[in-house]
Each structure stands twice: as structure tokens, then as C-alpha cells.
Amino acid sequence: MQEREWPEQGELVVCSVQNVKDFVAFVTLDEYNNREGLIPISEIARGWIKYIRDHIREGQKVVCKVLNVDSQKGHIDLSLKDVNEHQRRDKIRVWKNESKARKWIGFAAKAAGREDAAPEITTAIYHEYGDLYSAFEDFVTEGREVINKLNLDSDLADALYTIGSDNVKLPSVTVAGDLFLRSSKSDGVNIIRRALRSAEPKVDGAEIDITYLGAPNYRIKVTASNYKDAEKALEKAASAATGVLKRAGGEGKFSRRSKSGKHV
């Protein structure tokens, strides 16, 4: 979202339905200071419409496409039928995230004893990122230092980082596989212990967990922010463990598990 007074043609906007007449629905645009827009019956739904209220009603939140904007007359023409379900869900998700981010900015300004600084923070983030929520994700994934590029005073920056760390829940994925580790050497127990320790390398952005299933089987589970990093960490951990066994004359195998839990 941008800090603009008026939406642009073709933009998707979140609206609150205020009044539904026989041939038109009046809405307010949530992201643009509740400016009023209208949806003519021809833009409510595809096909012939018998009763407009079968498709839209007062109190609804809807996602519309902007057809035309006349800022001089204060007119905004909208279409409901030109927004598909995927676009609607994606827009609502973004809107909810931006709404949360605005609240967090208010919390941060208050925590820093600078409640009047919320507009300053918002403007700085828009200038650097173009939207609010991705900035908070960046604060959490990249660390406190990235906030310095916003050129805010240290109290505000510290408050933003704290609020972001407390509230942003980054998405994660989990991949897993099974290790087969066996050694007939007299010190086989120690060899396997070394193998398991080596299977927990430090990989940035990944959490590795090993579970004992019953000798000689072990489960490796890796959690990361995306599948590419998770798979890379899983491969590294498994390779390290099986490598220790093979170099010591033992037997080390790894089998990948699918999302359904089956070996692949």
C-alpha cells in the first residue's frame, strides 16, 4: 500500500459496504480514509442479476477493482465482478497485515514515549519499503541494524524492533528423513555419537532436531523459512552423519521422507 489520497485505476481495494440500492451499491474505501465509491449493478456480478442483495449487502467487506477515479468530482467507480477469489483472498491477507503493522507502529511510538511520531515512522517505512508489513518481517529476519536505514532516533528504532520481534510470526516449513547408523567396531557407540553430533551443524536460518527411533535408526527433522533452505540443511546434516560412519568402516544410510511421512 502507498500513502496516497486517491486509488489508481486498476488497483484492488478493500471496501466496506454502506448502502445497497436497487441498481447501485455505495461503499467506503478502508485504505483511503473511507472515501466513498460506488459499484453499479452491471459491475456487481457476471450474468443477469435479479436481486442485487443476493450478491452484496450492507456491512460486508468486499474487494473491488478501481475502474475510474475523478478526484475533482470526488467520484470513484468500482467493480466487484472483476475480482476473482484468488485476488480477493490475497488482497485481504495483505490488507490485514498492513492493518496489523499500523497498530504496531502506534505501539512502538507509544513505547518510545513519542506517540506523535507514528506518521514519521510510517512515512519512513513507506519510503524505504513501499509497504509496512514487509518492513517488520525484515526487522525480524535481518536484525536490529536494518532499522538504521530509516534514519529514526534510537528510541523509536529500538521500540520498532522489540514490537516486531514480539509480534511477527514468520512462516516455516519442516522436512525430515531417517538415518540408518550402524558400526560393529568396539567403539561403535562413540562413532555413532560423533555421527549424531556432526548431524547438527550450525546452519543459518535452520533448526535441526534428531530423534532416536531405536538402534540403528534416527530421525532428522529440519525447520526453516522455506523448502530450499530446509532441504539444503537436511542434506548437509545427513551427509555429515553418514560420512562419519563410512570413514570409520561402519554403515550409514539416509532416506528422505515425503510430506506424507513415507520414505522416498
Protein backbone atom coordinates (compact mmCIF):
# COMPACT_ATOMS: atom_id res chain seq x y z
CA MET A 1 0.00 0.00 0.00
CA GLN A 2 1.14 3.52 -0.73
CA GLU A 3 0.39 6.68 1.18
CA ARG A 4 -1.84 8.25 -1.45
CA GLU A 5 -5.06 10.21 -1.12
CA TRP A 6 -6.73 8.52 -4.08
CA PRO A 7 -6.52 4.99 -5.50
CA GLU A 8 -5.27 4.34 -9.01
CA GLN A 9 -7.21 2.87 -11.91
CA GLY A 10 -6.87 -0.92 -11.93
CA GLU A 11 -5.94 -1.10 -8.24
CA LEU A 12 -7.61 -3.60 -5.93
CA VAL A 13 -9.09 -2.00 -2.82
CA VAL A 14 -10.79 -3.24 0.35
CA CYS A 15 -14.22 -1.69 0.82
CA SER A 16 -16.97 -1.62 3.45
CA VAL A 17 -20.48 -1.79 2.01
CA GLN A 18 -22.56 1.09 3.38
CA ASN A 19 -25.76 1.25 1.35
CA VAL A 20 -27.28 -1.03 -1.28
CA LYS A 21 -29.90 0.34 -3.66
CA ASP A 22 -31.74 -1.43 -6.48
CA PHE A 23 -29.15 -0.57 -9.11
CA VAL A 24 -26.03 0.51 -7.20
CA ALA A 25 -24.04 -0.21 -4.05
CA PHE A 26 -22.25 2.54 -2.12
CA VAL A 27 -19.06 1.63 -0.29
CA THR A 28 -16.22 3.30 1.57
CA LEU A 29 -12.58 2.53 0.82
CA ASP A 30 -10.89 1.32 4.01
CA GLU A 31 -7.37 2.17 2.81
CA TYR A 32 -8.21 5.69 1.63
CA ASN A 33 -9.70 7.44 4.63
CA ASN A 34 -13.12 5.95 3.93
CA ARG A 35 -13.59 7.82 0.66
CA GLU A 36 -16.88 6.87 -0.96
CA GLY A 37 -17.08 4.73 -4.07
CA LEU A 38 -19.93 3.17 -6.00
CA ILE A 39 -20.48 -0.15 -7.72
CA PRO A 40 -23.15 -0.07 -10.45
CA ILE A 41 -25.30 -3.18 -10.75
CA SER A 42 -23.58 -4.07 -14.02
CA GLU A 43 -20.31 -4.46 -12.07
CA ILE A 44 -21.71 -6.44 -9.14
CA ALA A 45 -21.65 -9.91 -10.71
CA ARG A 46 -21.42 -11.63 -14.07
CA GLY A 47 -24.64 -12.54 -15.77
CA TRP A 48 -28.16 -11.28 -15.14
CA ILE A 49 -28.91 -10.04 -11.61
CA LYS A 50 -32.45 -10.35 -10.34
CA TYR A 51 -31.88 -9.10 -6.79
CA ILE A 52 -28.74 -7.08 -6.09
CA ARG A 53 -28.82 -8.08 -2.41
CA ASP A 54 -28.29 -11.70 -3.42
CA HIS A 55 -24.73 -10.63 -4.29
CA ILE A 56 -23.87 -7.76 -1.94
CA ARG A 57 -25.27 -6.43 1.33
CA GLU A 58 -24.65 -3.74 3.92
CA GLY A 59 -21.86 -4.43 6.41
CA GLN A 60 -19.83 -6.65 4.09
CA LYS A 61 -16.11 -6.31 3.46
CA VAL A 62 -15.51 -6.67 -0.28
CA VAL A 63 -12.53 -6.36 -2.59
CA CYS A 64 -13.14 -4.24 -5.68
CA LYS A 65 -11.21 -3.18 -8.74
CA VAL A 66 -10.95 0.55 -9.38
CA LEU A 67 -12.45 1.40 -12.78
CA ASN A 68 -12.24 5.17 -12.73
CA VAL A 69 -11.19 7.98 -10.38
CA ASP A 70 -12.28 11.59 -10.69
CA SER A 71 -10.62 13.41 -7.81
CA GLN A 72 -12.10 16.74 -8.90
CA LYS A 73 -15.67 15.48 -8.52
CA GLY A 74 -14.80 13.02 -5.78
CA HIS A 75 -16.06 10.02 -7.78
CA ILE A 76 -14.62 6.51 -7.60
CA ASP A 77 -16.20 3.84 -9.81
CA LEU A 78 -15.60 0.25 -8.78
CA SER A 79 -16.14 -3.30 -9.99
CA LEU A 80 -16.84 -6.32 -7.83
CA LYS A 81 -17.22 -8.84 -10.64
CA ASP A 82 -13.70 -8.22 -12.00
CA VAL A 83 -12.05 -9.61 -8.83
CA ASN A 84 -11.58 -13.39 -8.69
CA GLU A 85 -11.41 -15.44 -5.50
CA HIS A 86 -7.61 -15.73 -5.53
CA GLN A 87 -7.22 -11.96 -5.89
CA ARG A 88 -9.76 -11.40 -3.12
CA ARG A 89 -8.01 -13.70 -0.65
CA ASP A 90 -4.58 -12.29 -1.45
CA LYS A 91 -5.76 -8.69 -1.11
CA ILE A 92 -7.50 -9.37 2.22
CA ARG A 93 -4.33 -11.02 3.54
CA VAL A 94 -2.18 -8.03 2.54
CA TRP A 95 -4.72 -5.59 3.97
CA LYS A 96 -4.87 -7.43 7.30
CA ASN A 97 -1.08 -7.48 7.52
CA GLU A 98 -0.87 -3.76 6.77
CA SER A 99 -3.54 -3.05 9.39
CA LYS A 100 -1.54 -5.00 11.97
CA ALA A 101 1.64 -3.17 11.00
CA ARG A 102 -0.06 0.21 11.50
CA LYS A 103 -1.07 -0.85 15.01
CA TRP A 104 2.48 -1.99 15.76
CA ILE A 105 3.81 1.39 14.65
CA GLY A 106 1.42 3.04 17.09
CA PHE A 107 2.55 0.68 19.87
CA ALA A 108 6.21 1.41 19.10
CA ALA A 109 5.70 5.17 19.13
CA LYS A 110 3.88 4.91 22.47
CA ALA A 111 6.55 2.63 23.95
CA ALA A 112 9.22 5.17 22.97
CA GLY A 113 7.23 7.98 24.58
CA ARG A 114 6.69 9.55 21.16
CA GLU A 115 3.05 8.90 20.24
CA ASP A 116 3.19 11.80 17.78
CA ALA A 117 5.95 10.02 15.85
CA ALA A 118 3.68 7.38 14.25
CA PRO A 119 3.25 9.39 10.99
CA GLU A 120 7.02 9.92 10.83
CA ILE A 121 7.67 6.19 11.20
CA THR A 122 5.01 5.30 8.64
CA THR A 123 6.42 7.72 6.07
CA ALA A 124 9.96 6.46 6.61
CA ILE A 125 8.93 2.83 6.14
CA TYR A 126 6.85 3.58 3.03
CA HIS A 127 9.77 5.48 1.53
CA GLU A 128 12.17 2.57 2.12
CA TYR A 129 9.91 -0.47 1.63
CA GLY A 130 6.72 0.58 -0.17
CA ASP A 131 4.58 -1.23 2.39
CA LEU A 132 4.57 -1.63 6.17
CA TYR A 133 4.38 -5.32 6.98
CA SER A 134 7.41 -6.43 4.94
CA ALA A 135 9.49 -3.93 6.91
CA PHE A 136 8.65 -5.68 10.17
CA GLU A 137 9.49 -9.05 8.58
CA ASP A 138 12.84 -7.56 7.57
CA PHE A 139 13.49 -6.29 11.09
CA VAL A 140 12.97 -9.79 12.49
CA THR A 141 14.91 -11.75 9.84
CA GLU A 142 17.79 -9.31 9.33
CA GLY A 143 18.20 -7.88 12.83
CA ARG A 144 18.09 -4.55 14.61
CA GLU A 145 20.73 -2.93 12.36
CA VAL A 146 18.49 -2.77 9.27
CA ILE A 147 16.23 -0.27 11.02
CA ASN A 148 19.07 2.27 10.89
CA LYS A 149 18.34 2.93 7.20
CA LEU A 150 15.04 4.51 8.27
CA ASN A 151 17.01 7.29 9.97
CA LEU A 152 14.85 7.23 13.09
CA ASP A 153 16.16 8.08 16.54
CA SER A 154 17.43 5.14 18.59
CA ASP A 155 14.44 5.01 20.96
CA LEU A 156 11.99 4.62 18.09
CA ALA A 157 14.24 2.11 16.33
CA ASP A 158 14.59 0.01 19.49
CA ALA A 159 10.83 0.07 20.05
CA LEU A 160 10.13 -0.98 16.45
CA TYR A 161 12.50 -3.92 16.74
CA THR A 162 11.01 -5.05 20.04
CA ILE A 163 7.43 -4.80 18.78
CA GLY A 164 8.33 -6.63 15.57
CA SER A 165 10.14 -9.42 17.41
CA ASP A 166 7.17 -9.89 19.74
CA ASN A 167 4.51 -9.94 17.03
CA VAL A 168 5.80 -11.11 13.66
CA LYS A 169 5.36 -14.83 13.14
CA LEU A 170 7.47 -15.86 10.19
CA PRO A 171 6.25 -18.79 8.08
CA SER A 172 8.24 -22.00 8.37
CA VAL A 173 8.43 -25.39 6.71
CA THR A 174 9.63 -28.73 8.04
CA VAL A 175 11.36 -31.56 6.17
CA ALA A 176 12.53 -34.86 7.59
CA GLY A 177 14.40 -38.07 6.85
CA ASP A 178 15.67 -41.22 8.57
CA LEU A 179 19.26 -42.15 9.30
CA PHE A 180 20.50 -45.72 9.49
CA LEU A 181 23.73 -45.72 11.51
CA ARG A 182 25.49 -48.97 12.44
CA SER A 183 29.02 -49.86 13.48
CA SER A 184 30.45 -53.24 14.53
CA LYS A 185 33.63 -51.68 15.94
CA SER A 186 34.42 -51.98 19.65
CA ASP A 187 33.98 -48.22 19.97
CA GLY A 188 30.90 -48.22 17.75
CA VAL A 189 28.81 -46.36 20.31
CA ASN A 190 31.25 -43.47 20.30
CA ILE A 191 31.38 -43.45 16.50
CA ILE A 192 27.62 -43.15 16.32
CA ARG A 193 27.65 -40.37 18.92
CA ARG A 194 30.17 -38.47 16.78
CA ALA A 195 27.97 -39.01 13.75
CA LEU A 196 24.92 -37.65 15.55
CA ARG A 197 26.85 -34.59 16.77
CA SER A 198 28.05 -33.92 13.24
CA ALA A 199 24.43 -34.18 12.04
CA GLU A 200 23.61 -30.99 13.92
CA PRO A 201 25.77 -28.43 12.08
CA LYS A 202 25.10 -24.75 12.58
CA VAL A 203 23.09 -23.66 9.55
CA ASP A 204 21.84 -20.09 9.47
CA GLY A 205 18.05 -19.92 9.45
CA ALA A 206 17.55 -23.65 10.09
CA GLU A 207 16.73 -25.62 13.22
CA ILE A 208 17.87 -29.26 13.23
CA ASP A 209 16.40 -31.85 15.58
CA ILE A 210 17.43 -35.53 15.86
CA THR A 211 15.21 -38.16 17.47
CA TYR A 212 16.20 -41.70 18.48
CA LEU A 213 13.83 -44.25 16.91
CA GLY A 214 15.57 -47.37 18.16
CA ALA A 215 19.02 -48.55 17.09
CA PRO A 216 20.17 -48.26 14.37
CA ASN A 217 17.51 -45.75 13.25
CA TYR A 218 17.31 -42.00 13.89
CA ARG A 219 15.02 -39.27 12.59
CA ILE A 220 16.36 -35.90 11.37
CA LYS A 221 13.89 -33.02 11.26
CA VAL A 222 14.79 -29.61 9.84
CA THR A 223 12.68 -26.46 10.19
CA ALA A 224 13.45 -23.37 8.09
CA SER A 225 11.66 -20.43 6.49
CA ASN A 226 11.49 -22.09 3.05
CA TYR A 227 11.88 -25.50 1.44
CA LYS A 228 15.10 -24.66 -0.39
CA ASP A 229 16.97 -23.80 2.82
CA ALA A 230 15.37 -26.68 4.72
CA GLU A 231 16.34 -29.24 2.09
CA LYS A 232 19.86 -27.87 1.92
CA ALA A 233 20.28 -28.12 5.70
CA LEU A 234 18.80 -31.64 5.76
CA GLU A 235 21.21 -32.81 3.06
CA LYS A 236 24.15 -31.28 4.89
CA ALA A 237 23.19 -32.90 8.21
CA ALA A 238 22.58 -36.34 6.69
CA SER A 239 25.78 -36.25 4.66
CA ALA A 240 27.81 -35.32 7.73
CA ALA A 241 26.40 -38.18 9.81
CA THR A 242 26.70 -40.91 7.19
CA GLY A 243 30.19 -39.67 6.31
CA VAL A 244 31.42 -40.26 9.87
CA LEU A 245 30.16 -43.88 9.80
CA LYS A 246 31.61 -44.66 6.41
CA ARG A 247 35.03 -43.22 7.26
CA ALA A 248 35.04 -45.35 10.42
CA GLY A 249 34.22 -48.53 8.48
CA GLY A 250 30.57 -48.61 9.54
CA GLU A 251 27.31 -48.38 7.64
CA GLY A 252 25.49 -45.09 7.17
CA LYS A 253 22.40 -44.54 5.05
CA PHE A 254 19.85 -41.78 4.71
CA SER A 255 16.29 -42.00 3.37
CA ARG A 256 14.21 -38.90 2.72
CA ARG A 257 10.65 -38.75 3.99
CA SER A 258 7.86 -37.20 1.94
CA LYS A 259 5.36 -34.67 3.37
CA SER A 260 3.00 -37.60 3.98
CA GLY A 261 5.64 -39.28 6.15
CA LYS A 262 6.57 -42.03 3.66
CA HIS A 263 10.12 -42.76 2.56
CA VAL A 264 11.10 -41.53 -0.88
